[in-house]
Amino acid sequence: MPSISRRSFLSALGVSLTAAKNGWPASGLEHALFFDAPRERPASLGHIGVQLYTVRSEMRKDVGATLARVARIGYREVEFAGYFGKSAAELREMLAANGLTAPSAHLQIDVASDQYPRALDDARTIGHEYVIVAWLDAKKRATLGDLERTADAFNKAAETAKSYGLKFGYHNHDFEFKPVEGRMPMDVLLAATDPKLVAFQMDLYWIIEGGGDPLAYFAKYPGRFPMVHVKDMMADAKHTMVDVGKGSVDWKKIFAARATAGIQRYIVEHDEPADPFASIKASYDYLKALSL
């Protein structure tokens, strides 16, 4: 039964009394209560950001101008994958000048190296909330033992990040869904990392490409996926990457499970767009209009 506001109910009651007095059909009350009552608006997505790898060719030319164009499209959040020669202080100023924030960034260093503390310092200066490992070298995932050692390294890296006031996460590709010694690497990493410390940024294109099911992972590991990369694909043999909303991925079905997954941010990405700005605008417009 639709919800009815107090004002609507009293209004409908007045209609009913008038109907009774004048001998009108009682169905007027039903109509006033259930058909004229305000209806709940469909839910929409919040915190739609963009991974700047999508516009990397433009970032190489002019970081400030690229951020300005991203902001004009409507984005308020961006995710870095490299800083293109700019200092942390410079990036912080550029973001502020364009009304942007950068809640996360992909790290391009080994978290066990002596460069890691400097990276955390920069992340804190820029204003990141999360630092994300975006790729695992083959030697760190070749065996089950390698994966378990990697998970242990993630726990330690996350503890260090926490001491800087930051959160630590991992971003998947497709190889996490190819068995290693009878187990899925993604399951090994999720099971062996501390859920209070290590978050996962699910790339929805790559899990599907790898043969995994996002909904199954959301259900099995609830709350572990505060961020997702939103990338669409065609239903062809190559799973050609396309702008969000132009492919075969059922976004409504996936995002219906957002509360279970713990999703807070939706980050648009396209690895090889023909026109980077046209691509991120098309994806933004689609997600902004998507009702759930």
Protein backbone atom coordinates (compact mmCIF):
# COMPACT_ATOMS: atom_id res chain seq x y z
CA MET A 1 0.00 0.00 0.00
CA PRO A 2 1.43 3.44 -0.90
CA SER A 3 2.48 5.64 2.01
CA ILE A 4 0.15 8.60 2.69
CA SER A 5 1.12 11.90 4.26
CA ARG A 6 -1.00 13.33 7.10
CA ARG A 7 -1.97 16.25 4.87
CA SER A 8 -3.08 13.92 2.06
CA PHE A 9 -5.10 11.80 4.48
CA LEU A 10 -6.96 14.78 5.95
CA SER A 11 -7.62 16.12 2.46
CA ALA A 12 -8.99 12.74 1.38
CA LEU A 13 -11.10 12.53 4.51
CA GLY A 14 -12.67 15.87 3.62
CA VAL A 15 -13.47 14.51 0.17
CA SER A 16 -15.08 11.44 1.76
CA LEU A 17 -17.31 13.47 4.06
CA THR A 18 -18.38 15.69 1.21
CA ALA A 19 -19.12 12.61 -0.88
CA ALA A 20 -21.24 11.10 1.87
CA LYS A 21 -23.19 14.33 2.32
CA ASN A 22 -23.92 14.62 -1.36
CA GLY A 23 -24.52 10.98 -2.06
CA TRP A 24 -21.45 10.52 -4.28
CA PRO A 25 -19.87 7.07 -4.77
CA ALA A 26 -17.54 6.00 -1.95
CA SER A 27 -14.86 5.24 -4.51
CA GLY A 28 -13.90 8.91 -4.32
CA LEU A 29 -12.17 8.21 -1.01
CA GLU A 30 -10.14 5.36 -2.50
CA HIS A 31 -9.07 7.56 -5.39
CA ALA A 32 -8.08 10.44 -3.11
CA LEU A 33 -6.13 8.20 -0.76
CA PHE A 34 -4.30 5.97 -3.16
CA PHE A 35 -4.09 7.68 -6.49
CA ASP A 36 -3.54 11.33 -5.57
CA ALA A 37 -1.13 10.62 -2.70
CA PRO A 38 2.50 11.64 -3.25
CA ARG A 39 4.63 8.75 -4.46
CA GLU A 40 8.17 7.91 -3.48
CA ARG A 41 10.78 9.10 -5.95
CA PRO A 42 13.04 6.48 -7.51
CA ALA A 43 16.47 6.26 -5.87
CA SER A 44 19.45 7.63 -7.75
CA LEU A 45 23.18 7.16 -7.45
CA GLY A 46 25.34 9.53 -5.47
CA HIS A 47 29.10 10.14 -5.52
CA ILE A 48 29.69 9.54 -9.23
CA GLY A 49 33.40 10.03 -9.95
CA VAL A 50 35.81 9.40 -12.79
CA GLN A 51 39.12 7.56 -12.96
CA LEU A 52 41.50 10.04 -14.61
CA TYR A 53 43.26 7.21 -16.44
CA THR A 54 40.39 7.62 -18.91
CA VAL A 55 41.63 11.11 -19.81
CA ARG A 56 45.34 10.41 -19.32
CA SER A 57 46.26 11.72 -22.78
CA GLU A 58 44.79 15.10 -21.81
CA MET A 59 46.32 15.00 -18.33
CA ARG A 60 49.76 14.70 -19.94
CA LYS A 61 49.11 17.91 -21.86
CA ASP A 62 47.57 20.07 -19.13
CA VAL A 63 46.45 18.78 -15.74
CA GLY A 64 44.63 21.95 -14.71
CA ALA A 65 42.71 22.34 -17.96
CA THR A 66 41.71 18.67 -17.89
CA LEU A 67 40.37 18.89 -14.35
CA ALA A 68 38.41 21.99 -15.33
CA ARG A 69 36.76 20.17 -18.24
CA VAL A 70 35.96 17.18 -16.02
CA ALA A 71 34.28 19.51 -13.53
CA ARG A 72 32.25 21.24 -16.26
CA ILE A 73 30.73 17.88 -17.22
CA GLY A 74 29.33 17.63 -13.72
CA TYR A 75 31.78 15.41 -11.86
CA ARG A 76 32.71 16.43 -8.33
CA GLU A 77 35.02 13.51 -7.58
CA VAL A 78 38.05 12.16 -9.41
CA GLU A 79 40.43 9.28 -8.86
CA PHE A 80 44.09 9.67 -9.77
CA ALA A 81 46.36 7.12 -11.44
CA GLY A 82 49.61 9.04 -11.33
CA TYR A 83 50.16 12.73 -10.66
CA PHE A 84 51.68 13.76 -14.01
CA GLY A 85 54.63 15.59 -12.53
CA LYS A 86 52.59 17.79 -10.20
CA SER A 87 53.30 18.11 -6.49
CA ALA A 88 50.71 17.14 -3.91
CA ALA A 89 50.23 20.81 -2.96
CA GLU A 90 49.71 21.81 -6.60
CA LEU A 91 47.10 19.10 -7.11
CA ARG A 92 45.27 20.08 -3.94
CA GLU A 93 45.02 23.66 -5.23
CA MET A 94 43.89 22.56 -8.70
CA LEU A 95 41.18 20.36 -7.25
CA ALA A 96 39.91 23.13 -4.97
CA ALA A 97 39.91 25.65 -7.83
CA ASN A 98 37.56 23.40 -9.79
CA GLY A 99 35.27 22.32 -6.96
CA LEU A 100 36.66 18.78 -7.05
CA THR A 101 37.80 16.27 -4.47
CA ALA A 102 39.88 13.12 -4.99
CA PRO A 103 38.71 10.52 -2.47
CA SER A 104 41.06 7.87 -3.89
CA ALA A 105 44.15 7.25 -5.97
CA HIS A 106 45.82 4.24 -7.52
CA LEU A 107 49.33 3.68 -6.21
CA GLN A 108 52.07 2.90 -8.68
CA ILE A 109 54.64 1.71 -6.14
CA ASP A 110 55.34 -1.39 -4.07
CA VAL A 111 53.68 -0.88 -0.68
CA ALA A 112 56.62 -2.65 0.95
CA SER A 113 59.15 -0.18 -0.49
CA ASP A 114 60.67 2.84 1.23
CA GLN A 115 58.63 5.06 -1.14
CA TYR A 116 55.37 4.06 0.50
CA PRO A 117 55.48 6.54 3.42
CA ARG A 118 56.11 9.41 0.98
CA ALA A 119 53.14 8.26 -1.10
CA LEU A 120 50.96 8.30 2.01
CA ASP A 121 52.17 11.80 2.86
CA ASP A 122 51.22 12.98 -0.62
CA ALA A 123 47.84 11.24 -0.40
CA ARG A 124 47.08 13.00 2.87
CA THR A 125 48.11 16.37 1.43
CA ILE A 126 45.94 15.98 -1.68
CA GLY A 127 42.98 14.88 0.42
CA HIS A 128 42.60 11.22 -0.51
CA GLU A 129 40.63 8.95 1.76
CA TYR A 130 41.80 5.72 0.10
CA VAL A 131 45.06 4.57 -1.45
CA ILE A 132 44.48 1.69 -3.86
CA VAL A 133 46.80 -1.00 -5.20
CA ALA A 134 45.63 -1.40 -8.77
CA TRP A 135 47.70 -4.30 -10.07
CA LEU A 136 49.50 -7.41 -8.84
CA ASP A 137 52.70 -8.49 -10.55
CA ALA A 138 52.53 -12.13 -11.71
CA LYS A 139 55.16 -13.22 -9.18
CA LYS A 140 52.90 -12.08 -6.35
CA ARG A 141 50.02 -14.28 -7.48
CA ALA A 142 51.58 -17.30 -9.15
CA THR A 143 50.89 -19.72 -6.28
CA LEU A 144 48.53 -19.96 -3.35
CA GLY A 145 51.45 -19.15 -1.06
CA ASP A 146 52.22 -16.02 -3.08
CA LEU A 147 48.63 -14.85 -2.71
CA GLU A 148 48.63 -15.46 1.03
CA ARG A 149 51.88 -13.51 1.41
CA THR A 150 50.38 -10.71 -0.68
CA ALA A 151 47.33 -10.61 1.58
CA ASP A 152 49.62 -10.39 4.60
CA ALA A 153 51.49 -7.50 2.95
CA PHE A 154 48.16 -5.77 2.35
CA ASN A 155 47.24 -6.06 6.02
CA LYS A 156 50.54 -4.49 7.03
CA ALA A 157 50.25 -1.75 4.40
CA ALA A 158 46.73 -1.02 5.61
CA GLU A 159 47.94 -0.68 9.21
CA THR A 160 50.55 1.84 8.04
CA ALA A 161 47.95 3.74 6.00
CA LYS A 162 45.70 3.88 9.05
CA SER A 163 48.48 5.54 11.03
CA TYR A 164 48.42 8.32 8.42
CA GLY A 165 44.66 8.67 8.70
CA LEU A 166 44.09 6.86 5.40
CA LYS A 167 42.35 3.69 4.21
CA PHE A 168 43.87 0.99 2.03
CA GLY A 169 42.25 -0.93 -0.82
CA TYR A 170 42.80 -3.28 -3.74
CA HIS A 171 41.43 -3.05 -7.30
CA ASN A 172 40.88 -6.24 -9.30
CA HIS A 173 41.37 -7.19 -12.93
CA ASP A 174 40.29 -10.47 -14.53
CA PHE A 175 43.08 -12.77 -13.32
CA GLU A 176 41.64 -12.80 -9.79
CA PHE A 177 38.87 -15.02 -11.16
CA LYS A 178 41.11 -17.68 -12.69
CA PRO A 179 41.81 -20.57 -10.25
CA VAL A 180 45.23 -20.94 -8.67
CA GLU A 181 45.77 -24.34 -7.06
CA GLY A 182 42.02 -24.86 -6.89
CA ARG A 183 41.12 -21.48 -5.37
CA MET A 184 40.07 -18.15 -6.77
CA PRO A 185 42.68 -15.48 -6.05
CA MET A 186 39.93 -12.98 -5.24
CA ASP A 187 38.58 -15.29 -2.55
CA VAL A 188 42.06 -15.81 -1.11
CA LEU A 189 42.67 -12.06 -0.87
CA LEU A 190 39.24 -11.33 0.60
CA ALA A 191 39.46 -14.14 3.14
CA ALA A 192 43.04 -13.44 4.23
CA THR A 193 42.78 -9.66 4.62
CA ASP A 194 41.34 -7.88 7.63
CA PRO A 195 37.89 -6.52 6.69
CA LYS A 196 38.38 -3.67 9.15
CA LEU A 197 41.53 -2.56 7.32
CA VAL A 198 41.49 -3.66 3.68
CA ALA A 199 38.75 -2.50 1.31
CA PHE A 200 38.17 -3.77 -2.22
CA GLN A 201 37.41 -1.63 -5.23
CA MET A 202 35.56 -3.95 -7.56
CA ASP A 203 36.10 -3.31 -11.25
CA LEU A 204 32.77 -4.46 -12.64
CA TYR A 205 34.06 -4.85 -16.18
CA TRP A 206 36.99 -7.05 -15.20
CA ILE A 207 35.10 -9.35 -12.86
CA ILE A 208 32.56 -10.07 -15.60
CA GLU A 209 35.32 -10.46 -18.18
CA GLY A 210 37.06 -12.92 -15.85
CA GLY A 211 33.92 -15.03 -15.47
CA GLY A 212 33.00 -13.88 -11.98
CA ASP A 213 29.62 -12.75 -10.68
CA PRO A 214 29.56 -9.38 -8.87
CA LEU A 215 26.31 -10.18 -7.07
CA ALA A 216 27.71 -13.45 -5.72
CA TYR A 217 30.72 -11.61 -4.30
CA PHE A 218 28.57 -8.89 -2.79
CA ALA A 219 26.51 -11.54 -1.03
CA LYS A 220 29.51 -13.60 0.11
CA TYR A 221 31.56 -10.64 1.33
CA PRO A 222 29.03 -7.99 2.37
CA GLY A 223 30.32 -4.52 3.04
CA ARG A 224 33.78 -5.14 1.54
CA PHE A 225 33.29 -3.04 -1.62
CA PRO A 226 32.97 0.68 -0.77
CA MET A 227 33.93 1.64 -4.34
CA VAL A 228 33.27 0.19 -7.78
CA HIS A 229 34.69 0.94 -11.21
CA VAL A 230 31.80 1.32 -13.62
CA LYS A 231 32.77 0.16 -17.13
CA ASP A 232 30.41 -1.29 -19.72
CA MET A 233 30.89 -3.96 -22.38
CA MET A 234 29.28 -5.18 -25.54
CA ALA A 235 27.86 -8.69 -25.67
CA ASP A 236 30.34 -9.67 -28.39
CA ALA A 237 33.11 -12.25 -28.27
CA LYS A 238 35.71 -9.64 -27.37
CA HIS A 239 33.57 -7.97 -24.68
CA THR A 240 34.41 -4.64 -26.30
CA MET A 241 34.55 -1.85 -23.71
CA VAL A 242 32.03 0.95 -24.31
CA ASP A 243 30.65 3.99 -22.52
CA VAL A 244 28.43 3.19 -19.54
CA GLY A 245 24.87 2.56 -20.66
CA LYS A 246 25.83 1.60 -24.21
CA GLY A 247 26.65 -2.03 -23.48
CA SER A 248 25.09 -5.18 -22.11
CA VAL A 249 25.73 -4.87 -18.35
CA ASP A 250 22.52 -4.78 -16.28
CA TRP A 251 23.39 -1.82 -14.06
CA LYS A 252 20.04 -1.69 -12.29
CA LYS A 253 20.40 -5.31 -11.19
CA ILE A 254 23.96 -4.80 -9.97
CA PHE A 255 23.29 -1.53 -8.17
CA ALA A 256 20.17 -2.90 -6.52
CA ALA A 257 22.66 -4.78 -4.30
CA ARG A 258 24.63 -1.63 -3.43
CA ALA A 259 23.65 -1.69 0.25
CA THR A 260 24.76 -5.31 0.63
CA ALA A 261 28.05 -4.60 -1.16
CA GLY A 262 28.66 -1.44 0.85
CA ILE A 263 29.08 0.71 -2.28
CA GLN A 264 29.55 4.39 -1.54
CA ARG A 265 31.23 5.61 -4.73
CA TYR A 266 30.74 4.86 -8.43
CA ILE A 267 33.84 5.58 -10.51
CA VAL A 268 33.50 5.79 -14.30
CA GLU A 269 36.35 4.45 -16.41
CA HIS A 270 37.08 3.55 -20.03
CA ASP A 271 40.52 2.15 -20.85
CA GLU A 272 40.71 3.20 -24.51
CA PRO A 273 38.01 5.73 -25.42
CA ALA A 274 38.01 7.21 -28.90
CA ASP A 275 37.09 10.60 -27.44
CA PRO A 276 37.88 10.72 -23.69
CA PHE A 277 35.72 13.71 -22.80
CA ALA A 278 32.75 12.55 -24.88
CA SER A 279 33.07 9.15 -23.20
CA ILE A 280 33.10 10.38 -19.63
CA LYS A 281 30.20 12.76 -20.36
CA ALA A 282 28.07 9.99 -21.86
CA SER A 283 28.79 7.75 -18.87
CA TYR A 284 28.11 10.52 -16.37
CA ASP A 285 24.84 11.48 -18.02
CA TYR A 286 23.68 7.85 -18.03
CA LEU A 287 24.49 7.23 -14.37
CA LYS A 288 23.09 10.55 -13.24
CA ALA A 289 19.76 9.74 -14.89
CA LEU A 290 19.68 6.10 -13.77
CA SER A 291 16.78 5.43 -11.39
CA LEU A 292 16.80 2.39 -9.15
